[in-house]
Amino acid sequence: MSTEVLSDTKPSFNPPNVVFPLVWTILYTMIAVAGWRIWRVACKSIPMGLWAMQMGLNWLWSPAFFVAHQPEMALIIIILMLIFIIRAKKYDKIASVLFILYAVWVGVASSLNIAIYWLN
């Protein structure tokens, strides 16, 4: 595993840094509400397990990308996270809407991850 530092080259569609904490604050609130709604209906279910898995992957992505400087590993993590998000949204209509918005942002983050990998 290489630990070389990623250069500062970012794609033209990279949002300003101020966007990330704002978006993630909203998204983590939505993720919590979606998780609570799934837990309420089916606390020991596959969708709840998928919700927990995507949270674990969500947590793993930042160290893989920013600390280990492994955009390839981060890309694998984020793609798995996106799969779990899409699969976990099936039990509740409101949770589904919340997960769709989350999936859209993770799609944007995936695109950024790919672009940064290719540019660096």
N, C-alpha and C. Protein backbone atom coordinates (compact mmCIF):
# COMPACT_ATOMS: atom_id res chain seq x y z
N MET A 1 0.83 -1.18 0.00
CA MET A 1 0.00 0.00 0.00
C MET A 1 0.87 1.24 0.00
N SER A 2 0.63 2.07 -0.96
CA SER A 2 1.37 3.31 -1.05
C SER A 2 0.80 4.33 -0.07
N THR A 3 1.66 5.10 0.53
CA THR A 3 1.20 6.15 1.43
C THR A 3 1.61 7.52 0.90
N GLU A 4 1.83 7.59 -0.41
CA GLU A 4 2.22 8.87 -0.98
C GLU A 4 1.06 9.86 -0.86
N VAL A 5 1.41 11.11 -0.70
CA VAL A 5 0.41 12.15 -0.50
C VAL A 5 -0.24 12.49 -1.84
N LEU A 6 -1.57 12.60 -1.82
CA LEU A 6 -2.28 13.02 -3.03
C LEU A 6 -1.96 14.48 -3.30
N SER A 7 -1.82 14.84 -4.56
CA SER A 7 -1.60 16.24 -4.87
C SER A 7 -2.91 17.00 -4.70
N ASP A 8 -2.83 18.29 -4.81
CA ASP A 8 -4.02 19.13 -4.61
C ASP A 8 -4.85 19.26 -5.88
N THR A 9 -4.55 18.49 -6.91
CA THR A 9 -5.31 18.58 -8.14
C THR A 9 -6.70 18.02 -7.92
N LYS A 10 -7.70 18.87 -8.15
CA LYS A 10 -9.09 18.47 -7.96
C LYS A 10 -9.85 18.74 -9.25
N PRO A 11 -10.93 18.00 -9.46
CA PRO A 11 -11.71 18.21 -10.69
C PRO A 11 -12.44 19.56 -10.65
N SER A 12 -12.80 20.03 -11.83
CA SER A 12 -13.48 21.33 -11.94
C SER A 12 -14.83 21.35 -11.24
N PHE A 13 -15.45 20.18 -11.07
CA PHE A 13 -16.77 20.14 -10.43
C PHE A 13 -16.69 19.92 -8.91
N ASN A 14 -15.49 20.01 -8.34
CA ASN A 14 -15.32 19.88 -6.89
C ASN A 14 -15.99 21.06 -6.20
N PRO A 15 -16.95 20.81 -5.29
CA PRO A 15 -17.60 21.93 -4.58
C PRO A 15 -16.61 22.64 -3.67
N PRO A 16 -16.90 23.87 -3.31
CA PRO A 16 -16.04 24.58 -2.34
C PRO A 16 -16.03 23.82 -1.01
N ASN A 17 -14.93 23.91 -0.28
CA ASN A 17 -14.78 23.17 0.98
C ASN A 17 -15.90 23.45 1.98
N VAL A 18 -16.45 24.64 1.97
CA VAL A 18 -17.51 25.00 2.92
C VAL A 18 -18.78 24.15 2.72
N VAL A 19 -18.96 23.60 1.52
CA VAL A 19 -20.15 22.80 1.21
C VAL A 19 -20.15 21.47 1.98
N PHE A 20 -19.00 20.87 2.14
CA PHE A 20 -18.94 19.52 2.71
C PHE A 20 -19.48 19.42 4.14
N PRO A 21 -19.05 20.27 5.08
CA PRO A 21 -19.61 20.13 6.43
C PRO A 21 -21.10 20.44 6.49
N LEU A 22 -21.55 21.35 5.67
CA LEU A 22 -22.99 21.66 5.64
C LEU A 22 -23.80 20.47 5.12
N VAL A 23 -23.36 19.92 4.01
CA VAL A 23 -24.07 18.78 3.41
C VAL A 23 -24.03 17.58 4.35
N TRP A 24 -22.86 17.28 4.91
CA TRP A 24 -22.75 16.09 5.76
C TRP A 24 -23.53 16.23 7.06
N THR A 25 -23.65 17.44 7.59
CA THR A 25 -24.48 17.64 8.79
C THR A 25 -25.93 17.29 8.48
N ILE A 26 -26.41 17.77 7.36
CA ILE A 26 -27.78 17.46 6.95
C ILE A 26 -27.92 15.97 6.66
N LEU A 27 -26.96 15.41 5.93
CA LEU A 27 -27.03 13.98 5.58
C LEU A 27 -26.99 13.07 6.80
N TYR A 28 -26.11 13.37 7.76
CA TYR A 28 -26.05 12.52 8.96
C TYR A 28 -27.36 12.58 9.75
N THR A 29 -28.01 13.71 9.75
CA THR A 29 -29.33 13.81 10.38
C THR A 29 -30.32 12.93 9.64
N MET A 30 -30.31 13.01 8.31
CA MET A 30 -31.21 12.19 7.50
C MET A 30 -30.91 10.70 7.66
N ILE A 31 -29.63 10.34 7.71
CA ILE A 31 -29.22 8.94 7.89
C ILE A 31 -29.74 8.43 9.24
N ALA A 32 -29.62 9.26 10.28
CA ALA A 32 -30.09 8.86 11.60
C ALA A 32 -31.60 8.65 11.60
N VAL A 33 -32.33 9.57 10.99
CA VAL A 33 -33.80 9.43 10.92
C VAL A 33 -34.17 8.18 10.13
N ALA A 34 -33.52 7.96 8.99
CA ALA A 34 -33.80 6.77 8.18
C ALA A 34 -33.49 5.50 8.97
N GLY A 35 -32.36 5.47 9.66
CA GLY A 35 -32.00 4.32 10.47
C GLY A 35 -33.00 4.07 11.59
N TRP A 36 -33.44 5.15 12.23
CA TRP A 36 -34.44 5.03 13.30
C TRP A 36 -35.75 4.47 12.75
N ARG A 37 -36.15 4.96 11.58
CA ARG A 37 -37.41 4.48 10.99
C ARG A 37 -37.32 3.01 10.61
N ILE A 38 -36.19 2.58 10.06
CA ILE A 38 -36.01 1.17 9.73
C ILE A 38 -35.98 0.34 11.01
N TRP A 39 -35.25 0.81 12.02
CA TRP A 39 -35.15 0.10 13.29
C TRP A 39 -36.53 -0.07 13.93
N ARG A 40 -37.34 0.98 13.84
CA ARG A 40 -38.69 0.95 14.42
C ARG A 40 -39.55 -0.14 13.80
N VAL A 41 -39.43 -0.33 12.51
CA VAL A 41 -40.24 -1.31 11.78
C VAL A 41 -39.62 -2.71 11.84
N ALA A 42 -38.31 -2.77 11.74
CA ALA A 42 -37.64 -4.08 11.64
C ALA A 42 -36.25 -3.98 12.23
N CYS A 43 -36.16 -3.98 13.56
CA CYS A 43 -34.87 -3.74 14.21
C CYS A 43 -33.84 -4.84 13.95
N LYS A 44 -34.28 -6.07 13.77
CA LYS A 44 -33.34 -7.17 13.48
C LYS A 44 -33.64 -7.69 12.09
N SER A 45 -33.32 -6.86 11.11
CA SER A 45 -33.66 -7.19 9.73
C SER A 45 -32.46 -6.98 8.82
N ILE A 46 -32.59 -7.48 7.63
CA ILE A 46 -31.53 -7.26 6.63
C ILE A 46 -31.36 -5.77 6.35
N PRO A 47 -32.45 -5.00 6.13
CA PRO A 47 -32.25 -3.56 5.91
C PRO A 47 -31.53 -2.85 7.05
N MET A 48 -31.81 -3.26 8.30
CA MET A 48 -31.10 -2.65 9.43
C MET A 48 -29.63 -3.04 9.41
N GLY A 49 -29.34 -4.28 9.06
CA GLY A 49 -27.95 -4.71 8.91
C GLY A 49 -27.25 -3.95 7.79
N LEU A 50 -27.96 -3.72 6.69
CA LEU A 50 -27.39 -2.95 5.58
C LEU A 50 -27.13 -1.51 6.00
N TRP A 51 -28.06 -0.95 6.79
CA TRP A 51 -27.88 0.41 7.30
C TRP A 51 -26.60 0.48 8.14
N ALA A 52 -26.43 -0.51 9.03
CA ALA A 52 -25.23 -0.54 9.87
C ALA A 52 -23.97 -0.71 9.03
N MET A 53 -24.03 -1.56 8.01
CA MET A 53 -22.87 -1.77 7.14
C MET A 53 -22.49 -0.48 6.41
N GLN A 54 -23.48 0.24 5.87
CA GLN A 54 -23.15 1.46 5.15
C GLN A 54 -22.57 2.50 6.10
N MET A 55 -23.02 2.49 7.37
CA MET A 55 -22.45 3.42 8.35
C MET A 55 -20.97 3.08 8.61
N GLY A 56 -20.68 1.78 8.73
CA GLY A 56 -19.29 1.37 8.91
C GLY A 56 -18.42 1.76 7.73
N LEU A 57 -18.95 1.55 6.54
CA LEU A 57 -18.21 1.93 5.33
C LEU A 57 -18.06 3.44 5.24
N ASN A 58 -19.09 4.17 5.63
CA ASN A 58 -19.04 5.63 5.65
C ASN A 58 -17.89 6.08 6.54
N TRP A 59 -17.76 5.43 7.70
CA TRP A 59 -16.69 5.76 8.63
C TRP A 59 -15.32 5.41 8.06
N LEU A 60 -15.21 4.30 7.34
CA LEU A 60 -13.93 3.85 6.79
C LEU A 60 -13.42 4.70 5.62
N TRP A 61 -14.33 5.33 4.89
CA TRP A 61 -13.93 6.03 3.67
C TRP A 61 -12.93 7.16 3.96
N SER A 62 -13.22 8.00 4.93
CA SER A 62 -12.35 9.16 5.20
C SER A 62 -10.92 8.76 5.53
N PRO A 63 -10.69 7.79 6.45
CA PRO A 63 -9.30 7.39 6.70
C PRO A 63 -8.62 6.79 5.46
N ALA A 64 -9.37 6.04 4.67
CA ALA A 64 -8.77 5.44 3.46
C ALA A 64 -8.36 6.54 2.49
N PHE A 65 -9.19 7.53 2.33
CA PHE A 65 -8.92 8.58 1.34
C PHE A 65 -7.94 9.64 1.86
N PHE A 66 -8.24 10.18 3.06
CA PHE A 66 -7.49 11.33 3.56
C PHE A 66 -6.25 10.96 4.37
N VAL A 67 -6.28 9.85 5.10
CA VAL A 67 -5.15 9.49 5.96
C VAL A 67 -4.20 8.53 5.24
N ALA A 68 -4.75 7.45 4.70
CA ALA A 68 -3.90 6.46 4.01
C ALA A 68 -3.57 6.90 2.58
N HIS A 69 -4.26 7.92 2.07
CA HIS A 69 -4.04 8.40 0.70
C HIS A 69 -4.18 7.26 -0.30
N GLN A 70 -5.24 6.48 -0.12
CA GLN A 70 -5.53 5.34 -0.98
C GLN A 70 -6.85 5.56 -1.71
N PRO A 71 -6.86 6.39 -2.77
CA PRO A 71 -8.12 6.64 -3.47
C PRO A 71 -8.72 5.39 -4.09
N GLU A 72 -7.86 4.40 -4.43
CA GLU A 72 -8.40 3.16 -5.00
C GLU A 72 -9.21 2.40 -3.94
N MET A 73 -8.66 2.29 -2.73
CA MET A 73 -9.37 1.62 -1.64
C MET A 73 -10.61 2.41 -1.27
N ALA A 74 -10.49 3.71 -1.23
CA ALA A 74 -11.63 4.57 -0.90
C ALA A 74 -12.74 4.39 -1.93
N LEU A 75 -12.36 4.23 -3.19
CA LEU A 75 -13.36 4.02 -4.24
C LEU A 75 -14.11 2.70 -4.04
N ILE A 76 -13.39 1.66 -3.69
CA ILE A 76 -14.05 0.37 -3.41
C ILE A 76 -15.01 0.53 -2.24
N ILE A 77 -14.56 1.21 -1.19
CA ILE A 77 -15.40 1.43 -0.01
C ILE A 77 -16.65 2.21 -0.37
N ILE A 78 -16.50 3.28 -1.14
CA ILE A 78 -17.64 4.14 -1.44
C ILE A 78 -18.63 3.44 -2.38
N ILE A 79 -18.14 2.60 -3.28
CA ILE A 79 -19.04 1.85 -4.16
C ILE A 79 -19.84 0.83 -3.34
N LEU A 80 -19.17 0.14 -2.42
CA LEU A 80 -19.89 -0.78 -1.53
C LEU A 80 -20.91 -0.03 -0.68
N MET A 81 -20.50 1.14 -0.20
CA MET A 81 -21.41 1.95 0.61
C MET A 81 -22.66 2.31 -0.21
N LEU A 82 -22.47 2.71 -1.44
CA LEU A 82 -23.59 3.06 -2.31
C LEU A 82 -24.51 1.86 -2.52
N ILE A 83 -23.95 0.70 -2.70
CA ILE A 83 -24.77 -0.52 -2.87
C ILE A 83 -25.60 -0.77 -1.61
N PHE A 84 -24.98 -0.66 -0.43
CA PHE A 84 -25.71 -0.89 0.82
C PHE A 84 -26.79 0.16 1.04
N ILE A 85 -26.51 1.41 0.67
CA ILE A 85 -27.51 2.47 0.80
C ILE A 85 -28.72 2.15 -0.06
N ILE A 86 -28.48 1.78 -1.29
CA ILE A 86 -29.58 1.48 -2.22
C ILE A 86 -30.39 0.28 -1.72
N ARG A 87 -29.72 -0.73 -1.19
CA ARG A 87 -30.42 -1.94 -0.71
C ARG A 87 -31.16 -1.70 0.61
N ALA A 88 -30.67 -0.78 1.46
CA ALA A 88 -31.24 -0.58 2.80
C ALA A 88 -32.52 0.24 2.80
N LYS A 89 -32.84 0.89 1.73
CA LYS A 89 -33.93 1.86 1.72
C LYS A 89 -35.32 1.28 1.53
N LYS A 90 -35.49 -0.01 1.53
CA LYS A 90 -36.73 -0.62 1.08
C LYS A 90 -37.87 -0.71 2.11
N TYR A 91 -37.64 -0.54 3.39
CA TYR A 91 -38.66 -0.84 4.40
C TYR A 91 -39.62 0.30 4.71
N ASP A 92 -39.28 1.52 4.40
CA ASP A 92 -40.07 2.66 4.83
C ASP A 92 -40.00 3.75 3.77
N LYS A 93 -41.15 4.34 3.43
CA LYS A 93 -41.16 5.34 2.36
C LYS A 93 -40.34 6.58 2.70
N ILE A 94 -40.45 7.06 3.92
CA ILE A 94 -39.67 8.24 4.30
C ILE A 94 -38.18 7.91 4.33
N ALA A 95 -37.83 6.75 4.89
CA ALA A 95 -36.43 6.32 4.88
C ALA A 95 -35.93 6.21 3.45
N SER A 96 -36.77 5.73 2.55
CA SER A 96 -36.39 5.60 1.14
C SER A 96 -36.04 6.95 0.55
N VAL A 97 -36.86 7.96 0.81
CA VAL A 97 -36.58 9.30 0.28
C VAL A 97 -35.28 9.83 0.86
N LEU A 98 -35.10 9.65 2.17
CA LEU A 98 -33.86 10.11 2.81
C LEU A 98 -32.65 9.41 2.23
N PHE A 99 -32.77 8.11 1.99
CA PHE A 99 -31.66 7.36 1.41
C PHE A 99 -31.40 7.73 -0.05
N ILE A 100 -32.43 8.08 -0.79
CA ILE A 100 -32.23 8.51 -2.18
C ILE A 100 -31.36 9.77 -2.21
N LEU A 101 -31.68 10.73 -1.34
CA LEU A 101 -30.88 11.96 -1.28
C LEU A 101 -29.44 11.67 -0.85
N TYR A 102 -29.29 10.77 0.10
CA TYR A 102 -27.97 10.34 0.56
C TYR A 102 -27.22 9.65 -0.59
N ALA A 103 -27.91 8.78 -1.31
CA ALA A 103 -27.29 8.07 -2.43
C ALA A 103 -26.83 9.04 -3.52
N VAL A 104 -27.62 10.08 -3.75
CA VAL A 104 -27.22 11.08 -4.75
C VAL A 104 -25.91 11.74 -4.33
N TRP A 105 -25.81 12.12 -3.06
CA TRP A 105 -24.58 12.76 -2.60
C TRP A 105 -23.40 11.79 -2.63
N VAL A 106 -23.62 10.54 -2.25
CA VAL A 106 -22.55 9.55 -2.30
C VAL A 106 -22.14 9.31 -3.75
N GLY A 107 -23.09 9.41 -4.69
CA GLY A 107 -22.76 9.34 -6.11
C GLY A 107 -21.84 10.49 -6.51
N VAL A 108 -22.14 11.69 -6.03
CA VAL A 108 -21.28 12.85 -6.29
C VAL A 108 -19.89 12.61 -5.68
N ALA A 109 -19.88 12.13 -4.44
CA ALA A 109 -18.60 11.85 -3.77
C ALA A 109 -17.82 10.78 -4.52
N SER A 110 -18.52 9.78 -5.05
CA SER A 110 -17.87 8.73 -5.84
C SER A 110 -17.23 9.32 -7.09
N SER A 111 -17.95 10.21 -7.76
CA SER A 111 -17.42 10.87 -8.95
C SER A 111 -16.18 11.69 -8.61
N LEU A 112 -16.22 12.40 -7.49
CA LEU A 112 -15.05 13.15 -7.05
C LEU A 112 -13.88 12.22 -6.74
N ASN A 113 -14.17 11.12 -6.06
CA ASN A 113 -13.14 10.13 -5.74
C ASN A 113 -12.47 9.62 -7.01
N ILE A 114 -13.28 9.25 -8.01
CA ILE A 114 -12.75 8.75 -9.29
C ILE A 114 -11.90 9.83 -9.96
N ALA A 115 -12.44 11.04 -10.02
CA ALA A 115 -11.72 12.14 -10.70
C ALA A 115 -10.40 12.43 -10.01
N ILE A 116 -10.39 12.48 -8.69
CA ILE A 116 -9.15 12.76 -7.97
C ILE A 116 -8.14 11.63 -8.19
N TYR A 117 -8.64 10.39 -8.22
CA TYR A 117 -7.76 9.25 -8.51
C TYR A 117 -7.11 9.43 -9.89
N TRP A 118 -7.90 9.78 -10.89
CA TRP A 118 -7.36 9.91 -12.26
C TRP A 118 -6.44 11.12 -12.40
N LEU A 119 -6.76 12.21 -11.71
CA LEU A 119 -5.95 13.43 -11.83
C LEU A 119 -4.63 13.35 -11.08
N ASN A 120 -4.56 12.46 -10.12
CA ASN A 120 -3.35 12.37 -9.29
C ASN A 120 -2.67 11.07 -9.51
